[in-house]
Amino acid sequence: MATEERGGESTVDGRALLADLFETHHDRVHRFVLARSGSVAMAEDVTGDTFADAARLCAAGRGTEVTEAWLITVARRRLADRWRSRFRQRRREHRLAALPRRDEPEPATADDDVLEALASLGDRQRAALTLRHLDDRSVAEVADELDLTYQATESLLARARRSFRVAYDARREDV
């Protein structure tokens, strides 16, 4: 392995170490992910992300910490992160699909003015208000559900409340 002198200390060259790690462990990590994901594309992505993490450690001079076990652990976590992300995305899509659309008839039991005002909002604003006020979720939970930051969610909720208020007031004036 190539070494270089830094301030009197001998350190392992990060690029050479990364190349050695890649050559030695790439196939094993890729097979590990492929066996668990069943997707060649996902296995390639997760393996690439895993070696990108290894590259960062090597660049920071900590490449000797990277072992096959470390690579497998990182790959397992990266794969789990992808699964969680897919699950959250599907859950969001399912919940958004369940929300009433502007062109769908509203149930007769609810206040028509409220429903009309809610239906006039865009999907994200309607989802944010519904999750926050009808499902009684915290702002943090709404943020997680919509995959936004806490601050972006507060801003979205403020805009949604304003839009709702305008739509509701306009509907009430028409009566």
C-alpha atoms as a PDB file:
ATOM      1  CA  MET A   1       0.000   0.000   0.000  1.00  0.00           C
ATOM      2  CA  ALA A   2       1.236   3.478  -0.784  1.00  0.00           C
ATOM      3  CA  THR A   3       2.206   5.691   2.117  1.00  0.00           C
ATOM      4  CA  GLU A   4       3.065   9.335   2.315  1.00  0.00           C
ATOM      5  CA  GLU A   5       4.778  11.446   4.935  1.00  0.00           C
ATOM      6  CA  ARG A   6       2.703  14.081   6.743  1.00  0.00           C
ATOM      7  CA  GLY A   7       4.292  16.041   9.531  1.00  0.00           C
ATOM      8  CA  GLY A   8       6.736  13.219  10.305  1.00  0.00           C
ATOM      9  CA  GLU A   9       3.982  10.547  10.407  1.00  0.00           C
ATOM     10  CA  SER A  10       3.468   7.797   7.875  1.00  0.00           C
ATOM     11  CA  THR A  11      -0.141   7.562   6.699  1.00  0.00           C
ATOM     12  CA  VAL A  12      -1.839   5.269   4.245  1.00  0.00           C
ATOM     13  CA  ASP A  13      -2.640   6.863   0.869  1.00  0.00           C
ATOM     14  CA  GLY A  14      -6.440   7.144   0.815  1.00  0.00           C
ATOM     15  CA  ARG A  15      -6.815   6.605  -2.926  1.00  0.00           C
ATOM     16  CA  ALA A  16      -4.705   3.478  -2.988  1.00  0.00           C
ATOM     17  CA  LEU A  17      -6.497   2.101   0.051  1.00  0.00           C
ATOM     18  CA  LEU A  18      -9.916   2.805  -1.477  1.00  0.00           C
ATOM     19  CA  ALA A  19      -8.873   1.112  -4.735  1.00  0.00           C
ATOM     20  CA  ASP A  20      -7.711  -1.914  -2.743  1.00  0.00           C
ATOM     21  CA  LEU A  21     -10.934  -1.995  -0.708  1.00  0.00           C
ATOM     22  CA  PHE A  22     -13.034  -1.722  -3.855  1.00  0.00           C
ATOM     23  CA  GLU A  23     -11.137  -4.479  -5.652  1.00  0.00           C
ATOM     24  CA  THR A  24     -11.224  -6.775  -2.627  1.00  0.00           C
ATOM     25  CA  HIS A  25     -14.788  -6.237  -1.350  1.00  0.00           C
ATOM     26  CA  HIS A  26     -16.974  -4.810  -4.129  1.00  0.00           C
ATOM     27  CA  ASP A  27     -18.324  -8.130  -5.378  1.00  0.00           C
ATOM     28  CA  ARG A  28     -19.107  -9.379  -1.859  1.00  0.00           C
ATOM     29  CA  VAL A  29     -20.945  -6.173  -0.909  1.00  0.00           C
ATOM     30  CA  HIS A  30     -22.855  -6.131  -4.201  1.00  0.00           C
ATOM     31  CA  ARG A  31     -23.923  -9.785  -3.819  1.00  0.00           C
ATOM     32  CA  PHE A  32     -24.965  -9.105  -0.216  1.00  0.00           C
ATOM     33  CA  VAL A  33     -27.257  -6.240  -1.242  1.00  0.00           C
ATOM     34  CA  LEU A  34     -28.562  -8.011  -4.350  1.00  0.00           C
ATOM     35  CA  ALA A  35     -29.546 -11.076  -2.317  1.00  0.00           C
ATOM     36  CA  ARG A  36     -31.575  -8.906   0.050  1.00  0.00           C
ATOM     37  CA  SER A  37     -33.081  -6.426  -2.397  1.00  0.00           C
ATOM     38  CA  GLY A  38     -33.683  -8.625  -5.423  1.00  0.00           C
ATOM     39  CA  SER A  39     -33.011  -5.577  -7.601  1.00  0.00           C
ATOM     40  CA  VAL A  40     -29.838  -5.121  -9.628  1.00  0.00           C
ATOM     41  CA  ALA A  41     -30.431  -1.361  -9.847  1.00  0.00           C
ATOM     42  CA  MET A  42     -30.911  -1.027  -6.096  1.00  0.00           C
ATOM     43  CA  ALA A  43     -27.878  -3.230  -5.423  1.00  0.00           C
ATOM     44  CA  GLU A  44     -25.746  -1.015  -7.652  1.00  0.00           C
ATOM     45  CA  ASP A  45     -27.022   2.168  -6.001  1.00  0.00           C
ATOM     46  CA  VAL A  46     -26.565   0.899  -2.447  1.00  0.00           C
ATOM     47  CA  THR A  47     -23.122  -0.550  -3.236  1.00  0.00           C
ATOM     48  CA  GLY A  48     -22.100   2.769  -4.772  1.00  0.00           C
ATOM     49  CA  ASP A  49     -23.362   4.684  -1.735  1.00  0.00           C
ATOM     50  CA  THR A  50     -21.493   2.292   0.551  1.00  0.00           C
ATOM     51  CA  PHE A  51     -18.197   2.811  -1.244  1.00  0.00           C
ATOM     52  CA  ALA A  52     -18.823   6.577  -1.332  1.00  0.00           C
ATOM     53  CA  ASP A  53     -18.974   6.435   2.478  1.00  0.00           C
ATOM     54  CA  ALA A  54     -15.734   4.449   2.460  1.00  0.00           C
ATOM     55  CA  ALA A  55     -14.170   7.051   0.162  1.00  0.00           C
ATOM     56  CA  ARG A  56     -15.040   9.806   2.626  1.00  0.00           C
ATOM     57  CA  LEU A  57     -13.313   7.908   5.428  1.00  0.00           C
ATOM     58  CA  CYS A  58     -10.280   7.247   3.253  1.00  0.00           C
ATOM     59  CA  ALA A  59     -10.099  10.924   2.280  1.00  0.00           C
ATOM     60  CA  ALA A  60     -10.235  11.868   5.962  1.00  0.00           C
ATOM     61  CA  GLY A  61      -7.258   9.611   6.658  1.00  0.00           C
ATOM     62  CA  ARG A  62      -9.372   7.023   8.475  1.00  0.00           C
ATOM     63  CA  GLY A  63      -9.400   4.399   5.719  1.00  0.00           C
ATOM     64  CA  THR A  64      -7.839   1.757   7.933  1.00  0.00           C
ATOM     65  CA  GLU A  65     -11.170   1.657   9.849  1.00  0.00           C
ATOM     66  CA  VAL A  66     -12.906   0.303   6.736  1.00  0.00           C
ATOM     67  CA  THR A  67     -13.219  -3.470   6.842  1.00  0.00           C
ATOM     68  CA  GLU A  68     -15.487  -5.908   5.064  1.00  0.00           C
ATOM     69  CA  ALA A  69     -17.693  -6.015   8.163  1.00  0.00           C
ATOM     70  CA  TRP A  70     -17.877  -2.208   8.147  1.00  0.00           C
ATOM     71  CA  LEU A  71     -18.838  -2.191   4.457  1.00  0.00           C
ATOM     72  CA  ILE A  72     -21.543  -4.832   4.983  1.00  0.00           C
ATOM     73  CA  THR A  73     -22.950  -2.911   7.961  1.00  0.00           C
ATOM     74  CA  VAL A  74     -23.071   0.328   5.962  1.00  0.00           C
ATOM     75  CA  ALA A  75     -24.694  -1.488   3.019  1.00  0.00           C
ATOM     76  CA  ARG A  76     -27.305  -3.041   5.334  1.00  0.00           C
ATOM     77  CA  ARG A  77     -28.143   0.374   6.793  1.00  0.00           C
ATOM     78  CA  ARG A  78     -28.259   2.046   3.378  1.00  0.00           C
ATOM     79  CA  LEU A  79     -30.627  -0.680   2.142  1.00  0.00           C
ATOM     80  CA  ALA A  80     -32.855  -0.268   5.210  1.00  0.00           C
ATOM     81  CA  ASP A  81     -32.905   3.505   4.624  1.00  0.00           C
ATOM     82  CA  ARG A  82     -34.095   2.918   1.056  1.00  0.00           C
ATOM     83  CA  TRP A  83     -36.831   0.547   2.211  1.00  0.00           C
ATOM     84  CA  ARG A  84     -38.014   3.017   4.843  1.00  0.00           C
ATOM     85  CA  SER A  85     -38.015   5.808   2.286  1.00  0.00           C
ATOM     86  CA  ARG A  86     -40.057   3.722  -0.161  1.00  0.00           C
ATOM     87  CA  PHE A  87     -42.495   2.750   2.580  1.00  0.00           C
ATOM     88  CA  ARG A  88     -42.967   6.397   3.641  1.00  0.00           C
ATOM     89  CA  GLN A  89     -43.451   7.466   0.025  1.00  0.00           C
ATOM     90  CA  ARG A  90     -46.075   4.780  -0.587  1.00  0.00           C
ATOM     91  CA  ARG A  91     -47.848   5.668   2.663  1.00  0.00           C
ATOM     92  CA  ARG A  92     -47.905   9.354   1.663  1.00  0.00           C
ATOM     93  CA  GLU A  93     -49.243   8.513  -1.782  1.00  0.00           C
ATOM     94  CA  HIS A  94     -51.925   6.292  -0.258  1.00  0.00           C
ATOM     95  CA  ARG A  95     -53.032   8.992   2.173  1.00  0.00           C
ATOM     96  CA  LEU A  96     -53.027  11.701  -0.480  1.00  0.00           C
ATOM     97  CA  ALA A  97     -55.077   9.460  -2.770  1.00  0.00           C
ATOM     98  CA  ALA A  98     -57.612   8.974   0.033  1.00  0.00           C
ATOM     99  CA  LEU A  99     -58.152  12.727   0.441  1.00  0.00           C
ATOM    100  CA  PRO A 100     -61.207  14.160  -1.295  1.00  0.00           C
ATOM    101  CA  ARG A 101     -60.500  15.683  -4.695  1.00  0.00           C
ATOM    102  CA  ARG A 102     -62.015  18.883  -6.011  1.00  0.00           C
ATOM    103  CA  ASP A 103     -64.093  16.972  -8.551  1.00  0.00           C
ATOM    104  CA  GLU A 104     -65.360  14.306  -6.122  1.00  0.00           C
ATOM    105  CA  PRO A 105     -68.705  14.762  -4.341  1.00  0.00           C
ATOM    106  CA  GLU A 106     -68.342  15.457  -0.630  1.00  0.00           C
ATOM    107  CA  PRO A 107     -70.186  13.507   2.051  1.00  0.00           C
ATOM    108  CA  ALA A 108     -73.488  15.113   3.015  1.00  0.00           C
ATOM    109  CA  THR A 109     -72.780  14.756   6.731  1.00  0.00           C
ATOM    110  CA  ALA A 110     -69.917  17.288   6.844  1.00  0.00           C
ATOM    111  CA  ASP A 111     -70.095  21.057   6.679  1.00  0.00           C
ATOM    112  CA  ASP A 112     -70.200  21.745   2.928  1.00  0.00           C
ATOM    113  CA  ASP A 113     -68.494  25.128   3.269  1.00  0.00           C
ATOM    114  CA  VAL A 114     -65.522  23.609   5.090  1.00  0.00           C
ATOM    115  CA  LEU A 115     -65.259  20.778   2.594  1.00  0.00           C
ATOM    116  CA  GLU A 116     -65.505  23.121  -0.396  1.00  0.00           C
ATOM    117  CA  ALA A 117     -62.814  25.379   1.040  1.00  0.00           C
ATOM    118  CA  LEU A 118     -60.596  22.386   1.783  1.00  0.00           C
ATOM    119  CA  ALA A 119     -61.180  20.921  -1.676  1.00  0.00           C
ATOM    120  CA  SER A 120     -60.170  24.216  -3.305  1.00  0.00           C
ATOM    121  CA  LEU A 121     -56.651  23.927  -1.873  1.00  0.00           C
ATOM    122  CA  GLY A 122     -53.751  22.250  -3.613  1.00  0.00           C
ATOM    123  CA  ASP A 123     -52.894  18.673  -2.683  1.00  0.00           C
ATOM    124  CA  ARG A 124     -49.968  19.539  -0.382  1.00  0.00           C
ATOM    125  CA  GLN A 125     -51.850  22.250   1.502  1.00  0.00           C
ATOM    126  CA  ARG A 126     -54.913  20.015   1.839  1.00  0.00           C
ATOM    127  CA  ALA A 127     -52.751  17.115   3.055  1.00  0.00           C
ATOM    128  CA  ALA A 128     -50.925  19.309   5.573  1.00  0.00           C
ATOM    129  CA  LEU A 129     -54.153  20.739   7.036  1.00  0.00           C
ATOM    130  CA  THR A 130     -55.853  17.352   7.089  1.00  0.00           C
ATOM    131  CA  LEU A 131     -52.945  15.650   8.829  1.00  0.00           C
ATOM    132  CA  ARG A 132     -52.464  18.478  11.320  1.00  0.00           C
ATOM    133  CA  HIS A 133     -56.049  19.335  12.234  1.00  0.00           C
ATOM    134  CA  LEU A 134     -58.254  16.394  11.298  1.00  0.00           C
ATOM    135  CA  ASP A 135     -55.803  13.593  12.115  1.00  0.00           C
ATOM    136  CA  ASP A 136     -54.457  15.611  15.083  1.00  0.00           C
ATOM    137  CA  ARG A 137     -50.807  15.072  14.132  1.00  0.00           C
ATOM    138  CA  SER A 138     -47.980  17.205  15.500  1.00  0.00           C
ATOM    139  CA  VAL A 139     -46.082  19.507  13.157  1.00  0.00           C
ATOM    140  CA  ALA A 140     -43.108  17.125  13.383  1.00  0.00           C
ATOM    141  CA  GLU A 141     -45.300  14.187  12.344  1.00  0.00           C
ATOM    142  CA  VAL A 142     -46.744  16.172   9.433  1.00  0.00           C
ATOM    143  CA  ALA A 143     -43.200  17.103   8.394  1.00  0.00           C
ATOM    144  CA  ASP A 144     -42.162  13.456   8.443  1.00  0.00           C
ATOM    145  CA  GLU A 145     -45.270  12.391   6.550  1.00  0.00           C
ATOM    146  CA  LEU A 146     -44.784  14.996   3.816  1.00  0.00           C
ATOM    147  CA  ASP A 147     -40.994  14.572   3.816  1.00  0.00           C
ATOM    148  CA  LEU A 148     -40.348  18.220   4.672  1.00  0.00           C
ATOM    149  CA  THR A 149     -38.297  20.007   7.290  1.00  0.00           C
ATOM    150  CA  TYR A 150     -40.053  21.231  10.407  1.00  0.00           C
ATOM    151  CA  GLN A 151     -39.698  24.871   9.313  1.00  0.00           C
ATOM    152  CA  ALA A 152     -40.967  24.152   5.786  1.00  0.00           C
ATOM    153  CA  THR A 153     -43.967  22.368   7.286  1.00  0.00           C
ATOM    154  CA  GLU A 154     -44.790  25.309   9.552  1.00  0.00           C
ATOM    155  CA  SER A 155     -44.585  27.605   6.525  1.00  0.00           C
ATOM    156  CA  LEU A 156     -46.765  25.267   4.451  1.00  0.00           C
ATOM    157  CA  LEU A 157     -49.350  25.102   7.248  1.00  0.00           C
ATOM    158  CA  ALA A 158     -49.409  28.894   7.587  1.00  0.00           C
ATOM    159  CA  ARG A 159     -49.969  29.319   3.836  1.00  0.00           C
ATOM    160  CA  ALA A 160     -52.594  26.563   3.847  1.00  0.00           C
ATOM    161  CA  ARG A 161     -54.496  28.170   6.737  1.00  0.00           C
ATOM    162  CA  ARG A 162     -54.460  31.528   4.924  1.00  0.00           C
ATOM    163  CA  SER A 163     -55.671  29.951   1.683  1.00  0.00           C
ATOM    164  CA  PHE A 164     -58.329  27.997   3.550  1.00  0.00           C
ATOM    165  CA  ARG A 165     -59.536  31.122   5.345  1.00  0.00           C
ATOM    166  CA  VAL A 166     -59.849  33.048   2.054  1.00  0.00           C
ATOM    167  CA  ALA A 167     -61.699  30.175   0.359  1.00  0.00           C
ATOM    168  CA  TYR A 168     -63.970  29.611   3.372  1.00  0.00           C
ATOM    169  CA  ASP A 169     -64.821  33.318   3.725  1.00  0.00           C
ATOM    170  CA  ALA A 170     -65.563  33.576   0.004  1.00  0.00           C
ATOM    171  CA  ARG A 171     -67.852  30.545   0.207  1.00  0.00           C
ATOM    172  CA  ARG A 172     -69.691  31.991   3.244  1.00  0.00           C
ATOM    173  CA  GLU A 173     -70.196  35.343   1.472  1.00  0.00           C
ATOM    174  CA  ASP A 174     -71.861  33.601  -1.468  1.00  0.00           C
ATOM    175  CA  VAL A 175     -74.590  32.245   0.837  1.00  0.00           C
END
